[in-house]
Amino acid sequence: MGVGSQDIFGGKAGPQPATPGSYGEVPSAYRLPEATRLGAVVLQVADLERSLRFYEHVLGMRTLTRDGGIARLSAQASDRVLLELREWPGARPVAGRGRLGLFHFAILLPDRPALARFVKHLGNIGVRAGAGDHLVSEAFYLNDPDGLGIEVYADRPRDRWMRVGRELMMGTDPVDVPDLVSVAGPLSWVGMPNGTVMGHVHLHVGDIAKASAFYGEALGFDRIVWSYPGALFFGAGGYHHHLGTNVWAGPGAPPAGEDEARLVEWTIELPTAGDVDRLAQHASAVVSTGGSVTRDGDDVVARDPWGTAVRVRTAR
């Protein structure tokens, strides 16, 4: 779904620089640490061999480990797991209208030249992708063989981000692809470079207000962008978003089934074990009856009101 920045902010007061602390709505009690980052995304796929060919050849990831029907993937020069694939033979592909759960996961490249080389690579192998200039970033979108959504993007420098009031400015404007490709330089795409991380996850949810209560008030994310139609974006440490939520799957959309290609869980990494404990204590006390928070050893597993799981653990 694309909504231009003028559609959202065109009739509002003039934008101002988004200096640290000048934007976002802070939760009323517990707040995630500034050093919060995302860890691995775990997906269920129908055919592991097919998925590995896609993620290695099209996205340029490296298979770190493989154990039966489970594979873990990283950037080319890193041992940090970005993606875990779990095979469920014959899992049904993503339904056309979508299910509650994953909209897309988003891989953040370290700089604009890396994104330019990735875009040239897609052209060279004949893979089409959607695109969006989100003001804070430039992004390209594609689906894996099971129909699971993927974003690959690069951020603009934070000193170029703008706000209107307390809301960070984001939209979906056209990407200037020729200008982007012009910064690729002489190097060719040889896979995801060092410094690539999991940037954010975007979920289909059943209700924006419930999503705000769960991910904001219970788990401690700041609300960053709330005027985008049908969507709400959350971040920690001033980031434009670690999490997007939307109701675009439509009223009454069901969660993905156990036998479907789907998001199994995503991961939030906090600086210390004490941070994980504090989140668990707060979230357990305030989580809505539609969600849950449980311990899994040293980790916390929270499920939102629609059953989507997020694992909270100490950074590794």
C-alpha atoms as a PDB file:
ATOM      1  CA  MET A   1       0.000   0.000   0.000  1.00  0.00           C
ATOM      2  CA  GLY A   2       1.496   3.342  -1.036  1.00  0.00           C
ATOM      3  CA  VAL A   3       0.598   6.715   0.413  1.00  0.00           C
ATOM      4  CA  GLY A   4       2.649   9.735  -0.620  1.00  0.00           C
ATOM      5  CA  SER A   5       4.091  12.051   1.983  1.00  0.00           C
ATOM      6  CA  GLN A   6       1.955  14.918   0.654  1.00  0.00           C
ATOM      7  CA  ASP A   7      -1.170  12.826   1.246  1.00  0.00           C
ATOM      8  CA  ILE A   8      -0.227  12.497   4.920  1.00  0.00           C
ATOM      9  CA  PHE A   9       1.511  15.748   5.808  1.00  0.00           C
ATOM     10  CA  GLY A  10       0.632  18.152   2.981  1.00  0.00           C
ATOM     11  CA  GLY A  11      -2.055  20.016   4.922  1.00  0.00           C
ATOM     12  CA  LYS A  12      -0.234  20.159   8.246  1.00  0.00           C
ATOM     13  CA  ALA A  13       2.164  22.651   9.781  1.00  0.00           C
ATOM     14  CA  GLY A  14       5.569  22.925   8.160  1.00  0.00           C
ATOM     15  CA  PRO A  15       8.140  20.202   8.840  1.00  0.00           C
ATOM     16  CA  GLN A  16      11.036  20.701  11.212  1.00  0.00           C
ATOM     17  CA  PRO A  17      14.288  18.784  11.709  1.00  0.00           C
ATOM     18  CA  ALA A  18      13.780  15.600  13.726  1.00  0.00           C
ATOM     19  CA  THR A  19      16.475  16.195  16.297  1.00  0.00           C
ATOM     20  CA  PRO A  20      16.977  13.549  19.020  1.00  0.00           C
ATOM     21  CA  GLY A  21      14.135  13.638  21.540  1.00  0.00           C
ATOM     22  CA  SER A  22      11.940  15.927  19.420  1.00  0.00           C
ATOM     23  CA  TYR A  23       9.608  13.236  18.034  1.00  0.00           C
ATOM     24  CA  GLY A  24       7.657  10.181  19.090  1.00  0.00           C
ATOM     25  CA  GLU A  25       5.152   9.436  21.839  1.00  0.00           C
ATOM     26  CA  VAL A  26       6.683   7.709  24.843  1.00  0.00           C
ATOM     27  CA  PRO A  27       4.799   4.896  26.637  1.00  0.00           C
ATOM     28  CA  SER A  28       3.362   5.844  30.005  1.00  0.00           C
ATOM     29  CA  ALA A  29       5.493   3.473  32.104  1.00  0.00           C
ATOM     30  CA  TYR A  30       8.125   1.030  30.826  1.00  0.00           C
ATOM     31  CA  ARG A  31      10.218   2.124  27.821  1.00  0.00           C
ATOM     32  CA  LEU A  32      12.613  -0.046  25.805  1.00  0.00           C
ATOM     33  CA  PRO A  33      16.330   0.818  26.127  1.00  0.00           C
ATOM     34  CA  GLU A  34      17.880   3.056  23.487  1.00  0.00           C
ATOM     35  CA  ALA A  35      20.224   0.247  22.431  1.00  0.00           C
ATOM     36  CA  THR A  36      17.328  -2.066  21.482  1.00  0.00           C
ATOM     37  CA  ARG A  37      17.907  -3.877  18.201  1.00  0.00           C
ATOM     38  CA  LEU A  38      16.282  -6.711  16.286  1.00  0.00           C
ATOM     39  CA  GLY A  39      17.610 -10.247  16.014  1.00  0.00           C
ATOM     40  CA  ALA A  40      16.689 -13.189  13.814  1.00  0.00           C
ATOM     41  CA  VAL A  41      13.377 -13.645  12.039  1.00  0.00           C
ATOM     42  CA  VAL A  42      12.119 -17.248  11.950  1.00  0.00           C
ATOM     43  CA  LEU A  43      10.041 -18.357   8.960  1.00  0.00           C
ATOM     44  CA  GLN A  44       8.185 -21.540   8.084  1.00  0.00           C
ATOM     45  CA  VAL A  45       8.661 -22.537   4.436  1.00  0.00           C
ATOM     46  CA  ALA A  46       7.390 -25.339   2.227  1.00  0.00           C
ATOM     47  CA  ASP A  47      10.630 -26.442   0.554  1.00  0.00           C
ATOM     48  CA  LEU A  48      13.929 -25.633   2.226  1.00  0.00           C
ATOM     49  CA  GLU A  49      16.078 -26.276  -0.858  1.00  0.00           C
ATOM     50  CA  ARG A  50      13.930 -23.946  -2.944  1.00  0.00           C
ATOM     51  CA  SER A  51      14.042 -21.240  -0.277  1.00  0.00           C
ATOM     52  CA  LEU A  52      17.808 -21.488   0.137  1.00  0.00           C
ATOM     53  CA  ARG A  53      18.322 -21.040  -3.617  1.00  0.00           C
ATOM     54  CA  PHE A  54      16.240 -17.873  -3.456  1.00  0.00           C
ATOM     55  CA  TYR A  55      17.816 -16.373  -0.355  1.00  0.00           C
ATOM     56  CA  GLU A  56      21.351 -17.144  -1.492  1.00  0.00           C
ATOM     57  CA  HIS A  57      21.042 -16.223  -5.191  1.00  0.00           C
ATOM     58  CA  VAL A  58      18.495 -13.385  -5.158  1.00  0.00           C
ATOM     59  CA  LEU A  59      19.152 -11.798  -1.757  1.00  0.00           C
ATOM     60  CA  GLY A  60      22.819 -12.723  -1.447  1.00  0.00           C
ATOM     61  CA  MET A  61      22.654 -14.323   1.984  1.00  0.00           C
ATOM     62  CA  ARG A  62      24.984 -17.048   3.275  1.00  0.00           C
ATOM     63  CA  THR A  63      23.868 -20.308   4.860  1.00  0.00           C
ATOM     64  CA  LEU A  64      25.677 -20.520   8.186  1.00  0.00           C
ATOM     65  CA  THR A  65      24.292 -23.808   9.459  1.00  0.00           C
ATOM     66  CA  ARG A  66      21.882 -26.464   8.322  1.00  0.00           C
ATOM     67  CA  ASP A  67      20.450 -29.154  10.549  1.00  0.00           C
ATOM     68  CA  GLY A  68      17.842 -31.310   8.848  1.00  0.00           C
ATOM     69  CA  GLY A  69      14.900 -29.090   7.991  1.00  0.00           C
ATOM     70  CA  ILE A  70      16.326 -25.958   9.659  1.00  0.00           C
ATOM     71  CA  ALA A  71      18.791 -23.519   8.123  1.00  0.00           C
ATOM     72  CA  ARG A  72      20.242 -20.291   9.513  1.00  0.00           C
ATOM     73  CA  LEU A  73      21.397 -17.497   7.223  1.00  0.00           C
ATOM     74  CA  SER A  74      23.544 -14.399   7.598  1.00  0.00           C
ATOM     75  CA  ALA A  75      25.214 -11.684   5.570  1.00  0.00           C
ATOM     76  CA  GLN A  76      28.259 -12.839   3.599  1.00  0.00           C
ATOM     77  CA  ALA A  77      30.988 -11.779   6.023  1.00  0.00           C
ATOM     78  CA  SER A  78      29.109 -12.167   9.294  1.00  0.00           C
ATOM     79  CA  ASP A  79      28.220 -14.938  11.698  1.00  0.00           C
ATOM     80  CA  ARG A  80      25.183 -13.054  13.020  1.00  0.00           C
ATOM     81  CA  VAL A  81      21.992 -14.951  12.182  1.00  0.00           C
ATOM     82  CA  LEU A  82      19.483 -12.787  10.333  1.00  0.00           C
ATOM     83  CA  LEU A  83      17.059 -15.463   9.213  1.00  0.00           C
ATOM     84  CA  GLU A  84      16.099 -18.959  10.303  1.00  0.00           C
ATOM     85  CA  LEU A  85      14.130 -21.129   7.885  1.00  0.00           C
ATOM     86  CA  ARG A  86      12.120 -24.088   9.167  1.00  0.00           C
ATOM     87  CA  GLU A  87      10.753 -26.520   6.629  1.00  0.00           C
ATOM     88  CA  TRP A  88       7.157 -27.725   6.823  1.00  0.00           C
ATOM     89  CA  PRO A  89       6.928 -29.889   3.686  1.00  0.00           C
ATOM     90  CA  GLY A  90       4.046 -28.781   1.506  1.00  0.00           C
ATOM     91  CA  ALA A  91       3.166 -25.734   3.599  1.00  0.00           C
ATOM     92  CA  ARG A  92       0.547 -23.665   1.821  1.00  0.00           C
ATOM     93  CA  PRO A  93       1.793 -20.398   0.278  1.00  0.00           C
ATOM     94  CA  VAL A  94       0.718 -17.007   1.579  1.00  0.00           C
ATOM     95  CA  ALA A  95      -2.906 -16.317   0.700  1.00  0.00           C
ATOM     96  CA  GLY A  96      -3.530 -13.521  -1.784  1.00  0.00           C
ATOM     97  CA  ARG A  97      -5.431 -11.303   0.683  1.00  0.00           C
ATOM     98  CA  GLY A  98      -2.966 -11.976   3.455  1.00  0.00           C
ATOM     99  CA  ARG A  99      -3.202 -13.362   6.954  1.00  0.00           C
ATOM    100  CA  LEU A 100      -2.601 -11.790  10.336  1.00  0.00           C
ATOM    101  CA  GLY A 101       1.082 -12.069  11.104  1.00  0.00           C
ATOM    102  CA  LEU A 102       3.848 -11.192   8.681  1.00  0.00           C
ATOM    103  CA  PHE A 103       3.452  -8.360   6.170  1.00  0.00           C
ATOM    104  CA  HIS A 104       7.191  -8.246   5.551  1.00  0.00           C
ATOM    105  CA  PHE A 105      10.532  -8.429   7.307  1.00  0.00           C
ATOM    106  CA  ALA A 106      13.071  -5.781   6.368  1.00  0.00           C
ATOM    107  CA  ILE A 107      16.799  -6.211   5.852  1.00  0.00           C
ATOM    108  CA  LEU A 108      18.793  -3.009   6.386  1.00  0.00           C
ATOM    109  CA  LEU A 109      21.906  -2.572   4.248  1.00  0.00           C
ATOM    110  CA  PRO A 110      24.735  -0.439   5.657  1.00  0.00           C
ATOM    111  CA  ASP A 111      24.634   2.372   3.085  1.00  0.00           C
ATOM    112  CA  ARG A 112      23.082   3.694  -0.104  1.00  0.00           C
ATOM    113  CA  PRO A 113      25.806   2.370  -2.454  1.00  0.00           C
ATOM    114  CA  ALA A 114      25.131  -1.162  -1.161  1.00  0.00           C
ATOM    115  CA  LEU A 115      21.426  -0.706  -1.937  1.00  0.00           C
ATOM    116  CA  ALA A 116      22.305   0.586  -5.396  1.00  0.00           C
ATOM    117  CA  ARG A 117      24.420  -2.500  -6.100  1.00  0.00           C
ATOM    118  CA  PHE A 118      21.564  -4.720  -4.888  1.00  0.00           C
ATOM    119  CA  VAL A 119      19.113  -2.996  -7.250  1.00  0.00           C
ATOM    120  CA  LYS A 120      21.508  -3.431 -10.178  1.00  0.00           C
ATOM    121  CA  HIS A 121      21.857  -7.105  -9.220  1.00  0.00           C
ATOM    122  CA  LEU A 122      18.076  -7.578  -9.322  1.00  0.00           C
ATOM    123  CA  GLY A 123      18.035  -6.075 -12.805  1.00  0.00           C
ATOM    124  CA  ASN A 124      20.876  -8.294 -13.963  1.00  0.00           C
ATOM    125  CA  ILE A 125      19.075 -11.485 -12.888  1.00  0.00           C
ATOM    126  CA  GLY A 126      15.664 -10.324 -14.104  1.00  0.00           C
ATOM    127  CA  VAL A 127      13.903 -10.056 -10.726  1.00  0.00           C
ATOM    128  CA  ARG A 128      11.250  -7.361 -10.433  1.00  0.00           C
ATOM    129  CA  ALA A 129      10.702  -5.475  -7.189  1.00  0.00           C
ATOM    130  CA  GLY A 130       8.426  -2.791  -5.860  1.00  0.00           C
ATOM    131  CA  ALA A 131       9.934   0.387  -4.455  1.00  0.00           C
ATOM    132  CA  GLY A 132       9.179   3.201  -2.034  1.00  0.00           C
ATOM    133  CA  ASP A 133      10.944   6.344  -0.871  1.00  0.00           C
ATOM    134  CA  HIS A 134       9.883   6.608   2.768  1.00  0.00           C
ATOM    135  CA  LEU A 135      11.735   9.916   3.389  1.00  0.00           C
ATOM    136  CA  VAL A 136      13.773   8.277   6.157  1.00  0.00           C
ATOM    137  CA  SER A 137      14.829   5.438   3.851  1.00  0.00           C
ATOM    138  CA  GLU A 138      14.715   4.018   0.333  1.00  0.00           C
ATOM    139  CA  ALA A 139      13.255   0.533   0.035  1.00  0.00           C
ATOM    140  CA  PHE A 140      12.649  -2.289  -2.425  1.00  0.00           C
ATOM    141  CA  TYR A 141      10.081  -5.051  -1.986  1.00  0.00           C
ATOM    142  CA  LEU A 142       9.820  -8.612  -3.222  1.00  0.00           C
ATOM    143  CA  ASN A 143       8.354 -11.967  -2.153  1.00  0.00           C
ATOM    144  CA  ASP A 144      10.091 -15.250  -1.499  1.00  0.00           C
ATOM    145  CA  PRO A 145       8.952 -18.514  -3.188  1.00  0.00           C
ATOM    146  CA  ASP A 146       6.234 -19.010  -0.547  1.00  0.00           C
ATOM    147  CA  GLY A 147       4.891 -15.470  -0.947  1.00  0.00           C
ATOM    148  CA  LEU A 148       6.443 -14.166   2.283  1.00  0.00           C
ATOM    149  CA  GLY A 149       7.136 -10.437   2.090  1.00  0.00           C
ATOM    150  CA  ILE A 150      10.654  -8.989   2.112  1.00  0.00           C
ATOM    151  CA  GLU A 151      11.968  -5.432   2.167  1.00  0.00           C
ATOM    152  CA  VAL A 152      15.589  -4.534   1.474  1.00  0.00           C
ATOM    153  CA  TYR A 153      16.429  -0.924   2.306  1.00  0.00           C
ATOM    154  CA  ALA A 154      18.979   1.675   3.293  1.00  0.00           C
ATOM    155  CA  ASP A 155      18.421   4.530   5.728  1.00  0.00           C
ATOM    156  CA  ARG A 156      18.981   8.179   5.029  1.00  0.00           C
ATOM    157  CA  PRO A 157      21.211   9.934   7.585  1.00  0.00           C
ATOM    158  CA  ARG A 158      19.277  10.867  10.704  1.00  0.00           C
ATOM    159  CA  ASP A 159      20.119  14.538  10.305  1.00  0.00           C
ATOM    160  CA  ARG A 160      17.911  14.520   7.184  1.00  0.00           C
ATOM    161  CA  TRP A 161      14.832  13.124   8.928  1.00  0.00           C
ATOM    162  CA  MET A 162      11.967  15.593   9.461  1.00  0.00           C
ATOM    163  CA  ARG A 163       8.988  15.771  11.806  1.00  0.00           C
ATOM    164  CA  VAL A 164       5.611  17.473  11.993  1.00  0.00           C
ATOM    165  CA  GLY A 165       4.859  18.167  15.635  1.00  0.00           C
ATOM    166  CA  ARG A 166       5.864  15.031  17.531  1.00  0.00           C
ATOM    167  CA  GLU A 167       5.366  12.762  14.510  1.00  0.00           C
ATOM    168  CA  LEU A 168       8.233  11.655  12.313  1.00  0.00           C
ATOM    169  CA  MET A 169       7.577  12.217   8.623  1.00  0.00           C
ATOM    170  CA  MET A 170       7.250   9.022   6.579  1.00  0.00           C
ATOM    171  CA  GLY A 171       5.409   8.250   3.369  1.00  0.00           C
ATOM    172  CA  THR A 172       5.692   6.167   0.219  1.00  0.00           C
ATOM    173  CA  ASP A 173       6.944   8.351  -2.596  1.00  0.00           C
ATOM    174  CA  PRO A 174       8.571   7.162  -5.857  1.00  0.00           C
ATOM    175  CA  VAL A 175      12.234   6.185  -5.648  1.00  0.00           C
ATOM    176  CA  ASP A 176      14.594   8.063  -7.945  1.00  0.00           C
ATOM    177  CA  VAL A 177      16.103   4.837  -9.266  1.00  0.00           C
ATOM    178  CA  PRO A 178      18.544   6.434 -11.767  1.00  0.00           C
ATOM    179  CA  ASP A 179      19.946   8.648  -9.007  1.00  0.00           C
ATOM    180  CA  LEU A 180      20.223   5.656  -6.686  1.00  0.00           C
ATOM    181  CA  VAL A 181      21.948   3.443  -9.243  1.00  0.00           C
ATOM    182  CA  SER A 182      24.413   6.253 -10.020  1.00  0.00           C
ATOM    183  CA  VAL A 183      26.032   5.821  -6.586  1.00  0.00           C
ATOM    184  CA  ALA A 184      26.695   2.077  -7.012  1.00  0.00           C
ATOM    185  CA  GLY A 185      30.308   2.714  -7.959  1.00  0.00           C
ATOM    186  CA  PRO A 186      32.506   0.234  -9.811  1.00  0.00           C
ATOM    187  CA  LEU A 187      31.867  -2.690  -7.462  1.00  0.00           C
ATOM    188  CA  SER A 188      29.417  -5.459  -8.293  1.00  0.00           C
ATOM    189  CA  TRP A 189      26.953  -7.056  -5.885  1.00  0.00           C
ATOM    190  CA  VAL A 190      28.654 -10.026  -4.236  1.00  0.00           C
ATOM    191  CA  GLY A 191      26.063 -10.627  -1.550  1.00  0.00           C
ATOM    192  CA  MET A 192      24.865  -8.857   1.556  1.00  0.00           C
ATOM    193  CA  PRO A 193      27.818  -6.921   2.974  1.00  0.00           C
ATOM    194  CA  ASN A 194      29.173  -6.717   6.468  1.00  0.00           C
ATOM    195  CA  GLY A 195      27.020  -4.359   8.530  1.00  0.00           C
ATOM    196  CA  THR A 196      23.741  -5.743   7.183  1.00  0.00           C
ATOM    197  CA  VAL A 197      21.177  -6.166   9.987  1.00  0.00           C
ATOM    198  CA  MET A 198      17.523  -6.959  10.498  1.00  0.00           C
ATOM    199  CA  GLY A 199      16.068  -3.467  10.406  1.00  0.00           C
ATOM    200  CA  HIS A 200      12.396  -3.950  11.185  1.00  0.00           C
ATOM    201  CA  VAL A 201       9.396  -6.241  11.011  1.00  0.00           C
ATOM    202  CA  HIS A 202       5.975  -5.200   9.694  1.00  0.00           C
ATOM    203  CA  LEU A 203       2.891  -7.113  10.818  1.00  0.00           C
ATOM    204  CA  HIS A 204      -0.728  -7.489   9.804  1.00  0.00           C
ATOM    205  CA  VAL A 205      -2.808  -7.015  12.973  1.00  0.00           C
ATOM    206  CA  GLY A 206      -6.519  -7.033  13.707  1.00  0.00           C
ATOM    207  CA  ASP A 207      -6.833  -3.662  15.458  1.00  0.00           C
ATOM    208  CA  ILE A 208      -4.546  -0.618  15.669  1.00  0.00           C
ATOM    209  CA  ALA A 209      -5.617   0.401  19.183  1.00  0.00           C
ATOM    210  CA  LYS A 210      -4.906  -3.088  20.536  1.00  0.00           C
ATOM    211  CA  ALA A 211      -1.563  -3.113  18.725  1.00  0.00           C
ATOM    212  CA  SER A 212      -0.699   0.212  20.362  1.00  0.00           C
ATOM    213  CA  ALA A 213      -1.593  -1.113  23.797  1.00  0.00           C
ATOM    214  CA  PHE A 214       0.395  -4.313  23.359  1.00  0.00           C
ATOM    215  CA  TYR A 215       3.531  -3.119  21.580  1.00  0.00           C
ATOM    216  CA  GLY A 216       3.586   0.355  23.091  1.00  0.00           C
ATOM    217  CA  GLU A 217       2.276   0.191  26.647  1.00  0.00           C
ATOM    218  CA  ALA A 218       3.134  -3.456  27.364  1.00  0.00           C
ATOM    219  CA  LEU A 219       6.401  -4.012  25.464  1.00  0.00           C
ATOM    220  CA  GLY A 220       7.643  -0.430  25.694  1.00  0.00           C
ATOM    221  CA  PHE A 221       8.068   0.828  22.125  1.00  0.00           C
ATOM    222  CA  ASP A 222       7.634   4.537  21.349  1.00  0.00           C
ATOM    223  CA  ARG A 223       4.892   5.435  18.858  1.00  0.00           C
ATOM    224  CA  ILE A 224       6.693   7.135  15.973  1.00  0.00           C
ATOM    225  CA  VAL A 225       4.258   7.498  13.038  1.00  0.00           C
ATOM    226  CA  TRP A 226       0.485   7.336  13.531  1.00  0.00           C
ATOM    227  CA  SER A 227      -1.035   9.284  10.591  1.00  0.00           C
ATOM    228  CA  TYR A 228      -0.260   6.722   7.884  1.00  0.00           C
ATOM    229  CA  PRO A 229      -3.692   5.319   6.903  1.00  0.00           C
ATOM    230  CA  GLY A 230      -4.426   2.017   8.615  1.00  0.00           C
ATOM    231  CA  ALA A 231      -0.958   1.705  10.117  1.00  0.00           C
ATOM    232  CA  LEU A 232       1.067   2.502  13.230  1.00  0.00           C
ATOM    233  CA  PHE A 233       4.861   2.470  13.464  1.00  0.00           C
ATOM    234  CA  PHE A 234       6.910   1.858  16.623  1.00  0.00           C
ATOM    235  CA  GLY A 235      10.595   2.344  17.420  1.00  0.00           C
ATOM    236  CA  ALA A 236      13.140   2.470  20.220  1.00  0.00           C
ATOM    237  CA  GLY A 237      16.122   4.766  20.654  1.00  0.00           C
ATOM    238  CA  GLY A 238      14.709   7.269  18.159  1.00  0.00           C
ATOM    239  CA  TYR A 239      14.749   4.812  15.225  1.00  0.00           C
ATOM    240  CA  HIS A 240      12.079   5.446  12.589  1.00  0.00           C
ATOM    241  CA  HIS A 241      10.631   2.008  13.229  1.00  0.00           C
ATOM    242  CA  HIS A 242      11.619  -1.393  14.473  1.00  0.00           C
ATOM    243  CA  LEU A 243       8.010  -2.482  14.059  1.00  0.00           C
ATOM    244  CA  GLY A 244       5.190  -1.572  11.718  1.00  0.00           C
ATOM    245  CA  THR A 245       1.608  -2.705  12.215  1.00  0.00           C
ATOM    246  CA  ASN A 246      -1.324  -2.398   9.835  1.00  0.00           C
ATOM    247  CA  VAL A 247      -4.928  -3.534   9.322  1.00  0.00           C
ATOM    248  CA  TRP A 248      -4.630  -3.899   5.545  1.00  0.00           C
ATOM    249  CA  ALA A 249      -5.451  -7.631   5.583  1.00  0.00           C
ATOM    250  CA  GLY A 250      -9.043  -6.534   6.124  1.00  0.00           C
ATOM    251  CA  PRO A 251     -11.759  -7.059   8.746  1.00  0.00           C
ATOM    252  CA  GLY A 252     -11.955 -10.606  10.059  1.00  0.00           C
ATOM    253  CA  ALA A 253      -8.664 -11.751   8.503  1.00  0.00           C
ATOM    254  CA  PRO A 254      -7.481 -14.938  10.263  1.00  0.00           C
ATOM    255  CA  PRO A 255      -3.992 -15.634  11.591  1.00  0.00           C
ATOM    256  CA  ALA A 256      -1.753 -17.781   9.406  1.00  0.00           C
ATOM    257  CA  GLY A 257      -2.433 -21.480   9.991  1.00  0.00           C
ATOM    258  CA  GLU A 258       0.036 -24.028  11.326  1.00  0.00           C
ATOM    259  CA  ASP A 259       0.282 -25.605   7.851  1.00  0.00           C
ATOM    260  CA  GLU A 260       0.944 -22.323   6.008  1.00  0.00           C
ATOM    261  CA  ALA A 261       4.118 -20.482   5.121  1.00  0.00           C
ATOM    262  CA  ARG A 262       4.343 -17.935   7.909  1.00  0.00           C
ATOM    263  CA  LEU A 263       6.294 -15.995  10.466  1.00  0.00           C
ATOM    264  CA  VAL A 264       7.068 -18.283  13.413  1.00  0.00           C
ATOM    265  CA  GLU A 265       8.618 -15.539  15.556  1.00  0.00           C
ATOM    266  CA  TRP A 266      10.776 -12.445  15.411  1.00  0.00           C
ATOM    267  CA  THR A 267      13.356 -11.282  17.931  1.00  0.00           C
ATOM    268  CA  ILE A 268      14.043  -8.192  20.012  1.00  0.00           C
ATOM    269  CA  GLU A 269      17.521  -8.010  21.559  1.00  0.00           C
ATOM    270  CA  LEU A 270      18.124  -5.924  24.690  1.00  0.00           C
ATOM    271  CA  PRO A 271      21.527  -4.930  26.117  1.00  0.00           C
ATOM    272  CA  THR A 272      21.445  -6.912  29.386  1.00  0.00           C
ATOM    273  CA  ALA A 273      19.655  -9.732  31.164  1.00  0.00           C
ATOM    274  CA  GLY A 274      18.346  -7.141  33.616  1.00  0.00           C
ATOM    275  CA  ASP A 275      16.649  -5.333  30.722  1.00  0.00           C
ATOM    276  CA  VAL A 276      14.918  -8.562  29.714  1.00  0.00           C
ATOM    277  CA  ASP A 277      13.776  -9.109  33.300  1.00  0.00           C
ATOM    278  CA  ARG A 278      12.388  -5.591  33.566  1.00  0.00           C
ATOM    279  CA  LEU A 279      10.420  -5.999  30.344  1.00  0.00           C
ATOM    280  CA  ALA A 280       9.037  -9.346  31.540  1.00  0.00           C
ATOM    281  CA  GLN A 281       7.925  -7.919  34.880  1.00  0.00           C
ATOM    282  CA  HIS A 282       6.234  -4.897  33.358  1.00  0.00           C
ATOM    283  CA  ALA A 283       4.633  -6.629  30.375  1.00  0.00           C
ATOM    284  CA  SER A 284       3.275  -9.496  32.482  1.00  0.00           C
ATOM    285  CA  ALA A 285       1.539  -6.985  34.730  1.00  0.00           C
ATOM    286  CA  VAL A 286      -0.086  -4.850  32.029  1.00  0.00           C
ATOM    287  CA  VAL A 287      -0.506  -7.054  28.956  1.00  0.00           C
ATOM    288  CA  SER A 288      -4.035  -7.146  27.640  1.00  0.00           C
ATOM    289  CA  THR A 289      -6.092 -10.295  28.047  1.00  0.00           C
ATOM    290  CA  GLY A 290      -5.713 -10.868  24.298  1.00  0.00           C
ATOM    291  CA  GLY A 291      -1.934 -11.255  24.520  1.00  0.00           C
ATOM    292  CA  SER A 292       0.478 -13.241  26.663  1.00  0.00           C
ATOM    293  CA  VAL A 293       3.979 -13.015  28.110  1.00  0.00           C
ATOM    294  CA  THR A 294       5.871 -16.130  29.248  1.00  0.00           C
ATOM    295  CA  ARG A 295       9.432 -17.051  30.161  1.00  0.00           C
ATOM    296  CA  ASP A 296      11.438 -19.496  28.048  1.00  0.00           C
ATOM    297  CA  GLY A 297      14.619 -19.958  30.032  1.00  0.00           C
ATOM    298  CA  ASP A 298      16.460 -16.642  29.955  1.00  0.00           C
ATOM    299  CA  ASP A 299      14.246 -15.363  27.148  1.00  0.00           C
ATOM    300  CA  VAL A 300      10.763 -13.861  27.145  1.00  0.00           C
ATOM    301  CA  VAL A 301       8.202 -14.911  24.546  1.00  0.00           C
ATOM    302  CA  ALA A 302       5.334 -12.460  24.056  1.00  0.00           C
ATOM    303  CA  ARG A 303       2.350 -13.168  21.817  1.00  0.00           C
ATOM    304  CA  ASP A 304       0.237 -10.298  20.589  1.00  0.00           C
ATOM    305  CA  PRO A 305      -3.587 -10.479  20.658  1.00  0.00           C
ATOM    306  CA  TRP A 306      -3.527 -12.292  17.285  1.00  0.00           C
ATOM    307  CA  GLY A 307      -0.942 -14.899  18.247  1.00  0.00           C
ATOM    308  CA  THR A 308       2.178 -13.465  16.582  1.00  0.00           C
ATOM    309  CA  ALA A 309       5.221 -14.316  18.706  1.00  0.00           C
ATOM    310  CA  VAL A 310       8.196 -12.118  19.501  1.00  0.00           C
ATOM    311  CA  ARG A 311      11.169 -13.458  21.463  1.00  0.00           C
ATOM    312  CA  VAL A 312      12.968 -10.979  23.723  1.00  0.00           C
ATOM    313  CA  ARG A 313      16.522 -11.930  24.652  1.00  0.00           C
ATOM    314  CA  THR A 314      19.882 -10.508  25.646  1.00  0.00           C
ATOM    315  CA  ALA A 315      21.954  -9.225  22.737  1.00  0.00           C
ATOM    316  CA  ARG A 316      24.581 -11.644  21.489  1.00  0.00           C
END
